[in-house]
Each structure stands twice: as C-alpha cells, then as structure tokens.
C-alpha cells in the first residue's frame, strides 16, 4: 500500500476535515484518509493513485498544498 503526505492550506475545522476526507475517499484507489487540523497534514493510503491527481483534487476542494501558488 502506498502512502502520500500532503501539507495543505486552509484546514481549520472539523468541516474542513470532512470535506477533504469525503473528497479524497471518492477516488476509487484511495483506501484511507487522515487529516490533522493542528499541522494541516493530509495522509492518504491506497494503491493506483498518483500524487499529482490527489494534489489537484485537494486544490479543487479549496485545500492547495502549502508552498503552491
């Protein structure tokens, strides 16, 4: 199983956590999503996804990676 870690912007509350988890788990190759508000980290586990695809999805959801435009 592959694991990707993202540091993202705008994670502030339980609603953010739910939006991210729901948005990423909709991807068929994502098995598990963990979101930590305190450090704005998203951990994704699964097989068959690309980091780029998940980063695009996070940006679409309003949570772009820290350090990105």
Protein backbone atom coordinates (compact mmCIF):
# COMPACT_ATOMS: atom_id res chain seq x y z
CA UNK A 1 0.00 0.00 0.00
CA UNK A 2 1.26 3.44 -0.97
CA UNK A 3 1.21 6.41 1.44
CA UNK A 4 1.34 10.09 0.46
CA UNK A 5 1.60 13.02 2.87
CA UNK A 6 0.41 16.50 1.95
CA UNK A 7 0.84 19.75 3.86
CA UNK A 8 -2.15 21.82 2.83
CA UNK A 9 -3.54 25.32 3.33
CA UNK A 10 -6.87 26.34 4.88
CA UNK A 11 -7.54 23.36 7.18
CA UNK A 12 -9.21 24.97 10.18
CA UNK A 13 -12.08 22.85 11.50
CA UNK A 14 -13.98 19.58 11.50
CA UNK A 15 -15.86 20.71 8.39
CA UNK A 16 -12.55 21.01 6.55
CA UNK A 17 -11.57 17.53 7.70
CA UNK A 18 -14.86 16.08 6.44
CA UNK A 19 -14.65 17.88 3.08
CA UNK A 20 -11.12 16.60 2.48
CA UNK A 21 -11.85 13.06 3.63
CA UNK A 22 -15.06 12.82 1.59
CA UNK A 23 -13.45 14.35 -1.49
CA UNK A 24 -10.41 12.08 -1.48
CA UNK A 25 -12.12 8.84 -0.48
CA UNK A 26 -14.36 9.27 -3.54
CA UNK A 27 -11.23 8.34 -5.55
CA UNK A 28 -11.52 4.58 -6.20
CA UNK A 29 -7.88 3.83 -5.39
CA UNK A 30 -7.87 5.66 -2.04
CA UNK A 31 -8.40 3.37 0.94
CA UNK A 32 -7.78 5.71 3.88
CA UNK A 33 -7.53 9.45 4.51
CA UNK A 34 -6.32 11.03 7.76
CA UNK A 35 -6.49 14.80 8.24
CA UNK A 36 -4.79 16.60 11.13
CA UNK A 37 -6.03 20.15 11.75
CA UNK A 38 -3.17 21.11 14.09
CA UNK A 39 -0.47 20.75 11.46
CA UNK A 40 -2.65 20.92 8.31
CA UNK A 41 -1.48 17.49 7.16
CA UNK A 42 -3.35 15.01 4.99
CA UNK A 43 -2.19 11.41 4.81
CA UNK A 44 -3.60 9.24 2.04
CA UNK A 45 -3.20 5.46 1.76
CA UNK A 46 -4.10 3.21 -1.13
CA UNK A 47 -2.86 1.86 -4.44
CA UNK A 48 -3.06 3.06 -8.01
CA UNK A 49 -3.41 6.81 -7.46
CA UNK A 50 -0.86 9.46 -8.38
CA UNK A 51 0.31 12.21 -6.07
CA UNK A 52 -0.46 14.75 -8.79
CA UNK A 53 -4.08 13.63 -9.10
CA UNK A 54 -4.61 13.92 -5.36
CA UNK A 55 -2.91 17.32 -5.23
CA UNK A 56 -5.24 18.54 -8.00
CA UNK A 57 -8.26 17.21 -6.11
CA UNK A 58 -7.15 18.92 -2.90
CA UNK A 59 -6.77 22.21 -4.78
CA UNK A 60 -10.24 21.76 -6.33
CA UNK A 61 -11.64 21.24 -2.83
CA UNK A 62 -10.02 24.51 -1.69
CA UNK A 63 -7.05 22.98 0.13
CA UNK A 64 -3.98 23.50 -2.07
CA UNK A 65 -0.59 22.22 -0.97
CA UNK A 66 1.40 24.61 1.18
CA UNK A 67 4.01 26.31 -0.95
CA UNK A 68 1.96 26.07 -4.12
CA UNK A 69 0.69 29.14 -5.99
